[in-house]
Protein backbone atom coordinates (compact mmCIF):
# COMPACT_ATOMS: atom_id res chain seq x y z
CA ILE A 1 0.15 0.44 -0.31
CA ARG A 2 2.89 2.35 1.18
CA GLN A 3 4.33 2.07 -2.85
CA ALA A 4 0.76 2.16 -4.53
CA ALA A 5 0.10 5.44 -1.93
CA PRO A 6 3.72 7.32 -1.45
CA GLN A 7 1.56 9.70 1.01
CA GLY A 8 -0.14 7.94 2.15
CA VAL A 9 -4.51 6.77 1.27
CA ASN A 10 -6.31 9.71 1.40
CA CYS A 11 -9.70 7.91 0.23
CA TYR A 12 -10.99 4.42 0.94
CA PHE A 13 -14.43 2.43 0.44
CA ASP A 14 -15.17 0.14 3.04
CA ASN A 15 -16.97 -3.03 2.50
CA ALA A 16 -14.43 -5.45 4.38
CA GLY A 17 -13.37 -5.42 7.47
CA GLY A 18 -10.46 -7.55 8.40
CA PRO A 19 -6.90 -7.42 7.46
CA SER A 20 -7.40 -5.79 3.87
CA THR A 21 -8.42 -2.24 6.23
CA GLU A 22 -5.83 -2.80 8.92
CA ALA A 23 -3.67 -2.53 6.68
CA VAL A 24 -4.49 0.54 4.77
CA LEU A 25 -5.31 2.17 8.12
CA MET A 26 -1.90 1.77 8.68
CA CYS A 27 -0.97 3.64 5.93
CA LEU A 28 -4.00 6.93 5.91
CA ALA A 29 -3.05 10.32 4.73
CA ARG A 30 -3.93 13.03 7.19
CA PHE A 31 -7.36 14.51 7.60
CA ALA A 32 -7.77 11.21 5.31
CA ARG A 33 -11.54 10.09 4.66
CA ILE A 34 -13.67 7.12 5.62
CA SER A 35 -16.35 5.25 4.17
CA VAL A 36 -17.35 2.01 6.13
CA CYS A 37 -20.21 0.73 3.99
CA GLY A 38 -20.25 -2.91 4.83
CA GLN A 39 -17.74 -5.24 7.09
CA ILE A 40 -18.03 -9.19 6.04
CA ALA A 41 -14.38 -10.42 7.31
CA TYR A 42 -17.50 -10.52 11.14
CA TYR A 43 -20.38 -11.40 9.31
CA ASN A 44 -19.95 -14.49 10.68
CA LEU A 45 -17.77 -14.69 13.32
CA LYS A 46 -19.61 -16.13 16.98
CA ASP A 47 -18.83 -12.71 18.33
CA PRO A 48 -17.72 -9.99 16.47
CA MET A 49 -16.58 -7.66 18.90
CA SER A 50 -13.20 -10.35 19.42
CA ALA A 51 -11.52 -10.25 16.24
CA ARG A 52 -8.63 -8.47 17.07
CA ALA A 53 -8.16 -5.05 14.96
CA TYR A 54 -6.02 -1.92 15.44
CA PRO A 55 -7.99 0.66 17.23
CA ALA A 56 -9.05 2.20 14.67
CA THR A 57 -10.16 5.40 16.67
CA MET A 58 -6.92 6.25 17.43
CA VAL A 59 -5.54 5.65 13.88
CA ALA A 60 -8.31 8.16 13.10
CA LEU A 61 -7.30 9.68 15.63
CA GLN A 62 -3.93 10.60 15.08
CA ASN A 63 -4.33 11.58 10.91
CA SER A 64 -7.74 14.16 11.66
CA ALA A 65 -9.47 10.92 9.64
CA THR A 66 -13.27 10.63 8.86
CA ILE A 67 -15.03 8.21 9.39
CA GLN A 68 -19.02 7.59 8.26
CA GLY A 69 -20.84 4.34 8.46
CA PHE A 70 -23.70 3.79 5.86
CA ILE A 71 -26.18 1.46 5.48
CA VAL A 72 -28.03 1.58 2.24
CA THR A 73 -30.75 0.66 3.22
CA GLU A 74 -31.46 4.03 4.69
CA ARG A 75 -31.49 5.93 1.73
CA PRO A 76 -33.59 7.59 0.61
CA ARG A 77 -34.42 9.50 4.05
CA ALA A 78 -37.69 10.53 3.03
CA ARG A 79 -38.72 7.08 1.81
CA PRO A 80 -36.06 3.98 3.56
CA GLY A 81 -35.38 0.72 1.22
CA ASP A 82 -37.15 3.38 -2.58
CA TRP A 83 -34.94 3.92 -4.69
CA THR A 84 -37.61 5.35 -8.23
CA ALA A 85 -36.80 8.47 -7.45
CA ALA A 86 -33.03 7.88 -7.64
CA GLN A 87 -32.97 5.88 -10.29
CA LYS A 88 -35.42 8.32 -11.99
CA ASP A 89 -32.30 10.97 -11.86
CA MET A 90 -29.56 8.97 -13.24
CA GLU A 91 -31.56 7.63 -15.90
CA GLN A 92 -32.11 11.19 -16.93
CA TRP A 93 -28.08 11.85 -16.45
CA ILE A 94 -26.82 9.24 -18.63
CA LEU A 95 -30.04 9.99 -21.15
CA GLU A 96 -28.58 13.75 -20.60
CA GLY A 97 -24.57 12.55 -21.10
CA LYS A 98 -24.03 13.98 -17.38
CA LEU A 99 -23.79 10.46 -15.80
CA LYS A 100 -21.74 8.40 -18.32
CA VAL A 101 -20.00 4.93 -16.85
CA VAL A 102 -16.51 4.20 -17.08
CA GLU A 103 -14.95 0.98 -17.41
CA ASP A 104 -11.51 -1.22 -16.78
CA VAL A 105 -11.45 -4.18 -17.81
CA SER A 106 -9.57 -6.60 -17.72
CA ALA A 107 -9.29 -10.15 -18.88
CA GLY A 108 -7.82 -14.24 -17.46
CA ILE A 109 -7.32 -14.85 -14.35
CA GLU A 110 -3.47 -13.91 -14.64
CA ASN A 111 -4.00 -10.52 -14.71
CA ALA A 112 -6.95 -10.31 -11.52
CA PHE A 113 -3.36 -8.67 -9.53
CA ASP A 114 -2.11 -5.98 -11.19
CA ALA A 115 -6.10 -5.15 -12.88
CA PHE A 116 -6.36 -4.00 -8.44
CA LEU A 117 -3.33 -1.04 -9.00
């Protein structure tokens, strides 16, 4: 991680938790922003709070980082779980060219590692 981001990680979208998140937390840049949407590494543990992890709050403190959790089902706030308005907006944005889909496709399992860099 330090090789890919020598000045630190500025933004991290965490949907996994566990060792990958611990590694990123140790490489945060000052004023980093972290979105936490899931913690799959802990879902199947009998006691998720028993998992060994570096205290993320200390890392956040040391780096003046912002960590914000969110659960998709809480959105949109007016009608949780009802995405009709958002889907209509996105459809319109795509038609108007305001929202573009950008893909980076890598073929072959032998290219999997490089696909994530």
